[in-house]
N, C-alpha and C. Protein backbone atom coordinates (compact mmCIF):
# COMPACT_ATOMS: atom_id res chain seq x y z
N MET A 1 2.57 12.92 -8.61
CA MET A 1 1.27 12.68 -9.11
C MET A 1 1.45 11.87 -10.44
N PHE A 2 2.62 12.11 -11.14
CA PHE A 2 2.58 11.33 -12.46
C PHE A 2 2.64 9.81 -12.24
N PHE A 3 3.39 9.45 -11.02
CA PHE A 3 3.29 7.91 -10.56
C PHE A 3 2.03 7.63 -10.26
N SER A 4 1.17 8.22 -9.69
CA SER A 4 -0.22 7.73 -9.44
C SER A 4 -1.20 7.72 -10.60
N VAL A 5 -1.19 9.02 -11.15
CA VAL A 5 -1.95 9.05 -12.43
C VAL A 5 -1.63 8.01 -13.64
N ALA A 6 -0.10 7.58 -13.66
CA ALA A 6 0.37 6.43 -14.47
C ALA A 6 -0.46 5.06 -14.49
N ARG A 7 -1.05 4.83 -12.97
CA ARG A 7 -1.58 3.48 -12.98
C ARG A 7 -3.03 3.69 -12.70
N PHE A 8 -3.57 4.68 -13.07
CA PHE A 8 -5.05 4.71 -13.15
C PHE A 8 -5.80 3.68 -13.82
N GLU A 9 -5.42 3.31 -15.00
CA GLU A 9 -6.08 2.37 -15.81
C GLU A 9 -6.16 0.98 -15.41
N SER A 10 -5.19 0.71 -14.43
CA SER A 10 -5.12 -0.70 -13.88
C SER A 10 -5.76 -0.87 -12.55
N ARG A 11 -6.49 0.16 -11.98
CA ARG A 11 -7.10 0.21 -10.64
C ARG A 11 -8.14 -0.22 -10.72
N ILE A 12 -9.04 -0.39 -11.60
CA ILE A 12 -10.33 -0.72 -11.82
C ILE A 12 -10.51 -1.75 -13.18
N ASP A 13 -11.09 -2.83 -12.84
CA ASP A 13 -11.47 -3.82 -14.16
C ASP A 13 -12.54 -3.34 -14.86
N GLU A 14 -12.49 -4.15 -15.74
CA GLU A 14 -13.69 -3.93 -17.13
C GLU A 14 -14.87 -3.99 -16.54
N HIS A 15 -15.20 -4.35 -15.21
CA HIS A 15 -16.60 -4.66 -14.81
C HIS A 15 -16.91 -3.49 -13.71
N GLY A 16 -15.69 -2.57 -13.31
CA GLY A 16 -15.80 -1.53 -12.50
C GLY A 16 -15.48 -1.95 -11.05
N ALA A 17 -14.65 -3.14 -10.90
CA ALA A 17 -14.15 -3.39 -9.63
C ALA A 17 -12.97 -3.19 -9.32
N LEU A 18 -12.82 -2.89 -8.05
CA LEU A 18 -11.38 -2.30 -7.44
C LEU A 18 -10.42 -3.36 -7.76
N VAL A 19 -9.01 -3.03 -8.26
CA VAL A 19 -8.00 -4.09 -8.54
C VAL A 19 -6.78 -3.71 -7.48
N ILE A 20 -6.46 -4.66 -6.52
CA ILE A 20 -5.23 -4.30 -5.73
C ILE A 20 -4.16 -4.39 -6.44
N LEU A 21 -3.04 -3.52 -5.71
CA LEU A 21 -1.72 -3.31 -6.52
C LEU A 21 -1.33 -4.73 -7.07
N SER A 22 -1.35 -5.76 -6.25
CA SER A 22 -0.47 -7.00 -6.52
C SER A 22 -1.26 -7.62 -7.65
N GLU A 23 -2.34 -7.31 -8.03
CA GLU A 23 -3.26 -7.97 -9.19
C GLU A 23 -3.27 -7.01 -10.33
N GLN A 24 -2.90 -5.93 -10.39
CA GLN A 24 -2.81 -4.95 -11.60
C GLN A 24 -2.22 -5.30 -12.46
N ASP A 25 -2.68 -5.18 -13.72
CA ASP A 25 -1.98 -5.45 -14.93
C ASP A 25 -0.99 -4.28 -15.19
N ARG A 26 0.26 -4.46 -15.18
CA ARG A 26 1.38 -3.35 -15.29
C ARG A 26 1.50 -2.99 -16.90
N THR A 27 1.08 -3.80 -17.48
CA THR A 27 1.02 -3.45 -18.96
C THR A 27 0.09 -2.20 -19.21
N LEU A 28 -0.83 -2.00 -18.41
CA LEU A 28 -1.54 -0.84 -18.59
C LEU A 28 -0.98 0.64 -18.12
N TRP A 29 0.05 0.25 -17.41
CA TRP A 29 0.40 1.39 -16.62
C TRP A 29 1.24 2.26 -17.87
N ASP A 30 1.03 3.61 -17.63
CA ASP A 30 1.56 4.64 -18.72
C ASP A 30 3.00 4.83 -18.43
N LYS A 31 3.86 4.42 -19.33
CA LYS A 31 5.35 4.32 -19.16
C LYS A 31 5.76 5.89 -19.24
N ALA A 32 5.12 6.59 -20.42
CA ALA A 32 5.55 8.05 -20.42
C ALA A 32 5.36 8.75 -19.11
N LEU A 33 4.20 8.68 -18.45
CA LEU A 33 3.88 9.49 -17.24
C LEU A 33 5.00 8.98 -16.25
N ILE A 34 5.32 7.75 -16.27
CA ILE A 34 5.92 7.00 -15.14
C ILE A 34 7.56 7.85 -15.53
N ALA A 35 7.96 7.80 -16.67
CA ALA A 35 9.30 8.54 -17.07
C ALA A 35 9.41 9.86 -16.85
N GLU A 36 8.36 10.55 -16.94
CA GLU A 36 8.20 11.98 -16.60
C GLU A 36 8.38 12.11 -15.16
N GLY A 37 7.70 11.47 -14.54
CA GLY A 37 7.47 11.49 -12.96
C GLY A 37 9.02 11.28 -12.59
N MET A 38 9.88 10.19 -13.35
CA MET A 38 11.22 10.23 -12.84
C MET A 38 12.05 11.24 -12.97
N GLU A 39 11.76 11.95 -14.27
CA GLU A 39 12.76 13.00 -14.34
C GLU A 39 12.39 14.14 -13.48
N TYR A 40 11.11 14.56 -13.19
CA TYR A 40 11.01 15.39 -12.14
C TYR A 40 11.34 14.96 -10.68
N LEU A 41 11.23 13.65 -10.43
CA LEU A 41 11.78 13.41 -9.13
C LEU A 41 13.38 13.57 -9.09
N TYR A 42 14.05 13.24 -10.31
CA TYR A 42 15.55 13.52 -10.26
C TYR A 42 15.89 14.94 -10.24
N GLN A 43 15.26 15.57 -10.89
CA GLN A 43 15.41 17.12 -11.05
C GLN A 43 15.13 17.66 -9.46
N SER A 44 14.30 17.21 -8.81
CA SER A 44 13.88 17.60 -7.37
C SER A 44 14.96 17.23 -6.48
N THR A 45 15.86 16.40 -6.75
CA THR A 45 16.92 15.87 -5.90
C THR A 45 18.21 16.51 -6.06
N LYS A 46 18.31 17.59 -6.87
CA LYS A 46 19.59 18.25 -7.20
C LYS A 46 20.24 19.11 -5.82
N ASP A 47 19.36 19.32 -4.94
CA ASP A 47 19.90 20.02 -3.74
C ASP A 47 19.98 18.89 -2.61
N ASP A 48 20.32 19.33 -1.35
CA ASP A 48 20.47 18.41 -0.29
C ASP A 48 19.18 18.16 0.72
N LYS A 49 18.12 18.66 0.11
CA LYS A 49 16.83 18.89 0.93
C LYS A 49 15.92 17.45 0.55
N VAL A 50 15.39 16.89 1.61
CA VAL A 50 14.77 15.88 1.59
C VAL A 50 13.32 16.19 2.08
N SER A 51 12.21 16.05 1.54
CA SER A 51 11.03 16.55 1.90
C SER A 51 10.21 15.44 2.14
N LEU A 52 8.91 15.47 2.70
CA LEU A 52 7.74 14.28 2.69
C LEU A 52 7.61 14.13 1.21
N TYR A 53 7.50 15.19 0.17
CA TYR A 53 7.15 14.89 -1.10
C TYR A 53 7.98 14.08 -1.87
N HIS A 54 9.36 14.25 -1.58
CA HIS A 54 10.48 13.40 -2.29
C HIS A 54 10.47 12.10 -1.72
N LEU A 55 9.96 11.68 -0.59
CA LEU A 55 9.93 10.28 -0.19
C LEU A 55 8.53 9.55 -0.59
N GLN A 56 7.62 10.40 -0.53
CA GLN A 56 6.20 9.70 -0.99
C GLN A 56 6.16 9.49 -2.68
N ALA A 57 7.02 10.47 -3.33
CA ALA A 57 7.25 10.23 -4.68
C ALA A 57 8.36 9.16 -5.04
N GLY A 58 9.37 8.92 -3.99
CA GLY A 58 10.22 7.81 -4.06
C GLY A 58 9.59 6.52 -3.78
N ILE A 59 8.33 6.51 -3.01
CA ILE A 59 7.79 5.33 -2.64
C ILE A 59 7.11 4.67 -4.06
N ALA A 60 6.26 5.86 -4.64
CA ALA A 60 5.46 5.57 -5.70
C ALA A 60 6.28 5.26 -6.93
N ALA A 61 7.44 5.81 -7.10
CA ALA A 61 8.53 5.43 -7.80
C ALA A 61 9.03 4.13 -7.76
N GLU A 62 9.18 3.67 -6.81
CA GLU A 62 9.73 2.04 -6.52
C GLU A 62 8.42 1.16 -6.84
N HIS A 63 7.28 1.47 -6.64
CA HIS A 63 6.32 0.82 -7.26
C HIS A 63 6.06 0.41 -8.71
N CYS A 64 6.26 1.67 -9.24
CA CYS A 64 6.25 2.24 -10.76
C CYS A 64 7.29 1.38 -11.47
N LEU A 65 8.47 1.32 -10.65
CA LEU A 65 9.84 0.72 -11.49
C LEU A 65 9.82 -0.82 -11.45
N ALA A 66 9.11 -1.33 -10.39
CA ALA A 66 9.06 -2.72 -10.51
C ALA A 66 8.38 -3.42 -11.49
N GLU A 67 8.99 -4.66 -12.01
CA GLU A 67 8.43 -5.35 -12.96
C GLU A 67 7.12 -6.12 -12.56
N ASP A 68 7.22 -6.66 -11.46
CA ASP A 68 5.89 -7.06 -10.95
C ASP A 68 5.85 -6.70 -9.42
N PHE A 69 4.67 -7.32 -8.63
CA PHE A 69 4.68 -6.90 -7.39
C PHE A 69 5.59 -7.81 -6.40
N ALA A 70 5.99 -9.09 -6.82
CA ALA A 70 7.00 -9.65 -6.02
C ALA A 70 8.35 -8.96 -6.01
N SER A 71 8.61 -8.43 -7.17
CA SER A 71 10.12 -7.64 -7.37
C SER A 71 10.04 -6.27 -7.17
N THR A 72 9.24 -5.72 -6.30
CA THR A 72 9.24 -4.43 -5.53
C THR A 72 10.22 -4.26 -4.69
N ASN A 73 10.98 -3.25 -4.70
CA ASN A 73 12.12 -2.99 -3.55
C ASN A 73 11.49 -2.37 -2.26
N TRP A 74 10.90 -3.59 -1.67
CA TRP A 74 10.26 -3.49 -0.36
C TRP A 74 11.09 -2.71 0.60
N ALA A 75 12.27 -3.12 0.59
CA ALA A 75 13.30 -2.76 1.56
C ALA A 75 13.41 -1.16 1.56
N SER A 76 13.47 -0.76 0.26
CA SER A 76 13.63 0.79 -0.02
C SER A 76 12.40 1.27 0.35
N ILE A 77 11.38 0.97 0.14
CA ILE A 77 10.02 1.37 0.43
C ILE A 77 10.04 1.62 2.36
N HIS A 78 10.44 0.38 2.58
CA HIS A 78 10.30 0.51 4.22
C HIS A 78 11.36 1.52 4.64
N ARG A 79 12.37 1.60 4.19
CA ARG A 79 13.38 2.90 4.55
C ARG A 79 13.03 4.05 4.44
N GLN A 80 12.08 4.22 3.43
CA GLN A 80 11.49 5.80 2.91
C GLN A 80 10.17 5.95 4.05
N TYR A 81 9.41 4.94 4.27
CA TYR A 81 8.55 5.07 5.36
C TYR A 81 9.15 5.49 6.88
N SER A 82 10.09 4.75 6.95
CA SER A 82 10.83 5.06 8.39
C SER A 82 11.29 6.52 8.40
N ILE A 83 12.00 7.02 7.36
CA ILE A 83 12.40 8.53 7.33
C ILE A 83 11.19 9.54 7.59
N LEU A 84 10.26 9.23 6.56
CA LEU A 84 8.87 9.94 6.75
C LEU A 84 8.46 9.92 8.17
N GLU A 85 8.30 8.84 8.80
CA GLU A 85 7.84 8.75 10.15
C GLU A 85 8.51 9.60 11.19
N GLN A 86 10.14 9.59 10.99
CA GLN A 86 11.11 10.60 11.62
C GLN A 86 10.66 11.98 11.48
N LEU A 87 10.46 12.39 10.07
CA LEU A 87 10.03 13.67 9.87
C LEU A 87 8.84 14.09 10.20
N GLN A 88 7.78 13.40 10.21
CA GLN A 88 6.27 13.61 10.57
C GLN A 88 5.69 12.40 10.86
N PRO A 89 5.93 12.02 12.32
CA PRO A 89 5.34 10.98 13.23
C PRO A 89 3.78 10.82 12.55
N ASN A 90 3.48 9.70 12.14
CA ASN A 90 2.15 9.66 11.35
C ASN A 90 1.71 8.12 11.49
N VAL A 91 0.55 7.77 12.03
CA VAL A 91 0.13 6.39 12.17
C VAL A 91 0.02 5.75 10.62
N PHE A 92 -0.23 6.45 9.71
CA PHE A 92 -0.60 6.13 8.24
C PHE A 92 0.89 5.56 7.68
N PHE A 93 1.89 6.44 8.16
CA PHE A 93 3.44 6.27 7.65
C PHE A 93 3.67 4.80 8.32
N ALA A 94 3.19 4.74 9.49
CA ALA A 94 3.92 3.28 10.34
C ALA A 94 3.02 2.20 9.91
N PHE A 95 1.70 2.43 9.35
CA PHE A 95 0.94 1.27 8.88
C PHE A 95 1.58 0.95 7.41
N ASN A 96 1.99 1.79 6.52
CA ASN A 96 2.45 1.54 5.54
C ASN A 96 3.79 0.89 5.64
N LYS A 97 4.50 1.41 6.55
CA LYS A 97 5.92 0.69 6.79
C LYS A 97 5.62 -0.52 6.95
N ALA A 98 4.88 -0.89 7.90
CA ALA A 98 4.72 -2.35 8.30
C ALA A 98 4.19 -3.28 7.04
N ILE A 99 3.31 -2.69 6.18
CA ILE A 99 3.00 -3.33 4.88
C ILE A 99 4.38 -3.68 4.00
N ALA A 100 5.13 -2.84 4.21
CA ALA A 100 6.36 -2.94 3.59
C ALA A 100 7.49 -3.98 4.15
N LYS A 101 7.33 -3.98 5.35
CA LYS A 101 8.03 -4.91 5.94
C LYS A 101 7.59 -6.35 5.65
N PHE A 102 6.26 -6.34 5.79
CA PHE A 102 5.79 -7.77 5.60
C PHE A 102 6.21 -8.30 4.31
N PHE A 103 6.11 -7.51 3.17
CA PHE A 103 6.29 -7.84 1.71
C PHE A 103 7.85 -8.26 1.44
N GLY A 104 8.91 -7.37 2.31
CA GLY A 104 9.81 -7.33 2.13
C GLY A 104 11.21 -7.64 3.08
N ILE A 105 10.64 -7.85 4.41
CA ILE A 105 11.59 -7.96 5.32
C ILE A 105 11.33 -8.91 6.16
N ASN A 106 10.19 -8.78 7.13
CA ASN A 106 10.11 -9.83 8.08
C ASN A 106 8.55 -9.83 8.34
N ARG A 107 7.96 -11.15 7.76
CA ARG A 107 6.32 -11.05 7.87
C ARG A 107 5.84 -11.16 9.35
N GLU A 108 6.52 -11.97 10.19
CA GLU A 108 6.07 -12.06 11.44
C GLU A 108 6.13 -10.77 12.35
N GLU A 109 7.35 -10.07 12.25
CA GLU A 109 7.59 -8.98 12.78
C GLU A 109 6.56 -7.65 12.32
N ALA A 110 6.27 -7.78 11.04
CA ALA A 110 5.45 -7.09 10.41
C ALA A 110 3.82 -7.17 10.85
N LEU A 111 3.62 -8.44 11.05
CA LEU A 111 2.22 -8.76 11.70
C LEU A 111 2.15 -8.19 13.10
N VAL A 112 3.27 -8.31 13.96
CA VAL A 112 3.10 -7.67 15.21
C VAL A 112 3.04 -6.41 15.20
N ASP A 113 3.41 -5.55 14.32
CA ASP A 113 3.58 -4.21 14.17
C ASP A 113 2.04 -3.94 13.92
N LEU A 114 1.77 -4.46 12.91
CA LEU A 114 0.12 -4.27 12.30
C LEU A 114 -0.70 -4.35 13.39
N LEU A 115 -0.84 -5.42 14.26
CA LEU A 115 -1.43 -5.75 15.39
C LEU A 115 -1.51 -4.47 16.42
N ALA A 116 -0.24 -4.36 16.50
CA ALA A 116 -0.02 -3.10 17.58
C ALA A 116 -0.72 -1.86 17.32
N LEU A 117 -0.88 -1.73 15.78
CA LEU A 117 -1.44 -0.34 15.26
C LEU A 117 -2.92 -0.46 15.57
N LYS A 118 -3.53 -1.60 15.95
CA LYS A 118 -5.01 -1.53 16.15
C LYS A 118 -5.43 -0.70 17.33
N ARG A 119 -4.55 -0.48 18.26
CA ARG A 119 -4.88 0.50 19.14
C ARG A 119 -4.83 2.09 18.90
N GLU A 120 -4.32 2.28 17.55
CA GLU A 120 -4.49 3.63 17.36
C GLU A 120 -5.60 4.11 16.82
N HIS A 121 -6.02 5.40 17.41
CA HIS A 121 -7.61 5.95 17.14
C HIS A 121 -7.63 5.94 15.85
N ALA A 122 -6.60 6.47 15.10
CA ALA A 122 -6.97 6.90 13.84
C ALA A 122 -7.37 5.94 12.81
N LEU A 123 -6.85 4.82 13.24
CA LEU A 123 -7.00 3.47 12.41
C LEU A 123 -8.21 2.57 12.88
N GLN A 124 -8.88 2.80 14.14
CA GLN A 124 -9.90 1.94 14.49
C GLN A 124 -11.05 1.71 13.87
N ASN A 125 -11.10 2.92 12.89
CA ASN A 125 -12.58 3.00 12.00
C ASN A 125 -12.02 3.27 10.46
N ASN A 126 -10.91 2.63 10.25
CA ASN A 126 -10.39 2.83 8.75
C ASN A 126 -10.38 1.42 8.21
N CYS A 127 -11.33 1.30 7.03
CA CYS A 127 -11.55 0.17 6.43
C CYS A 127 -10.30 -0.44 5.97
N GLN A 128 -9.51 0.48 5.31
CA GLN A 128 -8.36 -0.15 4.42
C GLN A 128 -7.35 -0.93 5.29
N PHE A 129 -7.21 -0.29 6.57
CA PHE A 129 -6.46 -0.84 7.67
C PHE A 129 -6.90 -2.35 7.81
N TYR A 130 -8.29 -2.70 8.28
CA TYR A 130 -8.86 -3.79 8.42
C TYR A 130 -8.96 -4.87 7.14
N ALA A 131 -8.94 -4.19 6.18
CA ALA A 131 -8.64 -5.08 4.84
C ALA A 131 -7.37 -5.63 4.71
N ASP A 132 -6.41 -4.43 4.77
CA ASP A 132 -5.26 -5.18 4.55
C ASP A 132 -4.63 -6.05 5.56
N LEU A 133 -5.16 -5.80 6.82
CA LEU A 133 -4.62 -6.76 8.08
C LEU A 133 -5.10 -8.27 7.49
N GLY A 134 -6.39 -8.15 7.23
CA GLY A 134 -7.01 -9.37 6.69
C GLY A 134 -6.32 -10.16 5.65
N ILE A 135 -5.91 -9.31 4.72
CA ILE A 135 -5.24 -9.84 3.47
C ILE A 135 -4.01 -10.60 4.07
N ILE A 136 -3.31 -9.76 5.19
CA ILE A 136 -2.04 -10.46 5.60
C ILE A 136 -2.12 -11.58 6.37
N GLN A 137 -3.27 -11.79 7.21
CA GLN A 137 -3.69 -12.75 8.07
C GLN A 137 -4.04 -13.90 7.07
N VAL A 138 -4.59 -13.49 6.03
CA VAL A 138 -4.89 -14.80 5.20
C VAL A 138 -3.49 -15.56 4.64
N GLU A 139 -2.50 -14.52 4.30
CA GLU A 139 -1.29 -15.12 3.78
C GLU A 139 -0.57 -15.72 4.93
N MET A 140 -0.72 -15.33 6.14
CA MET A 140 0.04 -16.13 7.38
C MET A 140 -0.79 -17.32 7.89
N GLY A 141 -1.62 -17.68 7.01
CA GLY A 141 -2.61 -18.98 7.54
C GLY A 141 -3.57 -18.65 8.64
N LEU A 142 -3.92 -17.56 9.11
CA LEU A 142 -4.77 -16.89 10.14
C LEU A 142 -6.23 -16.73 9.74
N SER A 143 -6.78 -17.69 9.07
CA SER A 143 -7.94 -17.29 8.45
C SER A 143 -9.40 -16.87 9.56
N ASP A 144 -9.21 -17.60 10.86
CA ASP A 144 -10.25 -17.00 11.80
C ASP A 144 -10.04 -15.43 11.81
N GLU A 145 -8.85 -15.12 12.10
CA GLU A 145 -8.49 -13.66 12.38
C GLU A 145 -8.84 -12.75 11.37
N ALA A 146 -8.53 -13.13 9.94
CA ALA A 146 -8.86 -12.50 8.80
C ALA A 146 -10.06 -12.39 8.58
N ARG A 147 -11.04 -13.20 8.93
CA ARG A 147 -12.39 -13.14 8.78
C ARG A 147 -12.93 -12.03 9.52
N SER A 148 -12.52 -11.87 10.69
CA SER A 148 -12.79 -11.04 11.78
C SER A 148 -12.53 -9.61 11.28
N CYS A 149 -11.34 -9.51 10.65
CA CYS A 149 -10.74 -8.27 10.14
C CYS A 149 -11.70 -7.64 9.01
N PHE A 150 -11.94 -8.84 8.01
CA PHE A 150 -12.75 -8.51 6.93
C PHE A 150 -14.07 -8.03 7.25
N GLN A 151 -14.81 -8.76 8.31
CA GLN A 151 -16.01 -8.17 8.77
C GLN A 151 -15.80 -6.76 9.36
N LYS A 152 -14.77 -6.32 10.24
CA LYS A 152 -14.87 -5.29 10.56
C LYS A 152 -14.67 -4.10 9.25
N ALA A 153 -13.85 -4.61 8.28
CA ALA A 153 -13.73 -3.59 7.37
C ALA A 153 -14.91 -3.45 6.67
N LEU A 154 -15.74 -4.44 6.20
CA LEU A 154 -16.97 -4.41 5.70
C LEU A 154 -17.93 -3.44 6.40
N SER A 155 -17.86 -3.46 7.71
CA SER A 155 -18.66 -2.61 8.46
C SER A 155 -18.51 -1.01 8.48
N LEU A 156 -17.08 -1.00 8.28
CA LEU A 156 -16.51 0.72 8.13
C LEU A 156 -16.74 1.18 6.78
N THR A 157 -17.20 0.54 5.74
CA THR A 157 -17.31 1.03 4.45
C THR A 157 -18.77 1.21 3.98
N LYS A 158 -18.97 2.37 3.24
CA LYS A 158 -20.17 2.42 2.65
C LYS A 158 -19.90 2.30 1.02
N SER A 159 -18.75 2.02 0.60
CA SER A 159 -18.49 1.92 -0.74
C SER A 159 -18.90 0.46 -1.52
N THR A 160 -19.65 0.44 -2.33
CA THR A 160 -19.94 -0.78 -2.98
C THR A 160 -18.90 -1.54 -3.51
N GLN A 161 -17.92 -0.68 -4.18
CA GLN A 161 -16.66 -1.40 -4.86
C GLN A 161 -15.68 -1.92 -3.70
N GLU A 162 -15.45 -1.15 -2.52
CA GLU A 162 -14.94 -1.88 -1.52
C GLU A 162 -15.57 -2.94 -0.94
N LYS A 163 -16.76 -2.80 -0.66
CA LYS A 163 -17.51 -4.20 -0.22
C LYS A 163 -17.14 -5.25 -0.95
N ALA A 164 -17.55 -5.04 -2.41
CA ALA A 164 -17.35 -6.34 -3.39
C ALA A 164 -15.89 -6.93 -3.01
N LEU A 165 -14.94 -5.96 -3.09
CA LEU A 165 -13.42 -6.49 -3.02
C LEU A 165 -13.13 -7.09 -1.61
N ILE A 166 -13.71 -6.67 -0.65
CA ILE A 166 -13.50 -7.27 0.74
C ILE A 166 -14.12 -8.75 0.75
N GLU A 167 -15.26 -8.64 0.19
CA GLU A 167 -16.07 -10.02 0.01
C GLU A 167 -15.19 -11.01 -0.75
N GLN A 168 -14.83 -10.61 -1.91
CA GLN A 168 -13.82 -11.36 -2.61
C GLN A 168 -12.71 -11.94 -1.80
N ARG A 169 -12.12 -11.17 -1.23
CA ARG A 169 -11.02 -11.50 -0.03
C ARG A 169 -11.40 -12.57 0.77
N MET A 170 -12.58 -12.56 1.21
CA MET A 170 -13.19 -13.19 2.26
C MET A 170 -13.24 -14.68 1.79
N LYS A 171 -13.30 -14.97 0.61
CA LYS A 171 -13.64 -16.19 -0.08
C LYS A 171 -12.32 -16.96 -0.09
N LEU A 172 -10.93 -16.21 -0.12
CA LEU A 172 -9.73 -16.92 -0.32
C LEU A 172 -9.35 -17.86 0.94
């Protein structure tokens, strides 16, 4: 929780708009909370047990420790999501693992993984899934496919802030 709370100030801009992780101002992140989170994470690893909470905290820690989005240790995040999936199969772990694969391992394979997840019932009505898939398709030069995903994401949210963010992404 310390890692999440540490990033709150950067998640919404001065106009109340949502700010995606890659565009957050990391100077706004609370370094004291991050340090406290790291201490608790370190203390929690003194025995040989690894839980879902350890892994989720480890993933959040990787984001907090990275100097910027590009230098995030995506391979570590991918490994941790892989272990999470083994401990508790979950389509959302698979979704996030594919995102980590895209940014740190293999973009083409990650896109294939994400497209396969479209068949998963739990993601078929998930705004975040379609918005993220659209962002990835834009980065891959697949603007028509991205537009379709953004339209789907727009149809799935009632949040004014999410709609504004998605519409901003559609302009790219």
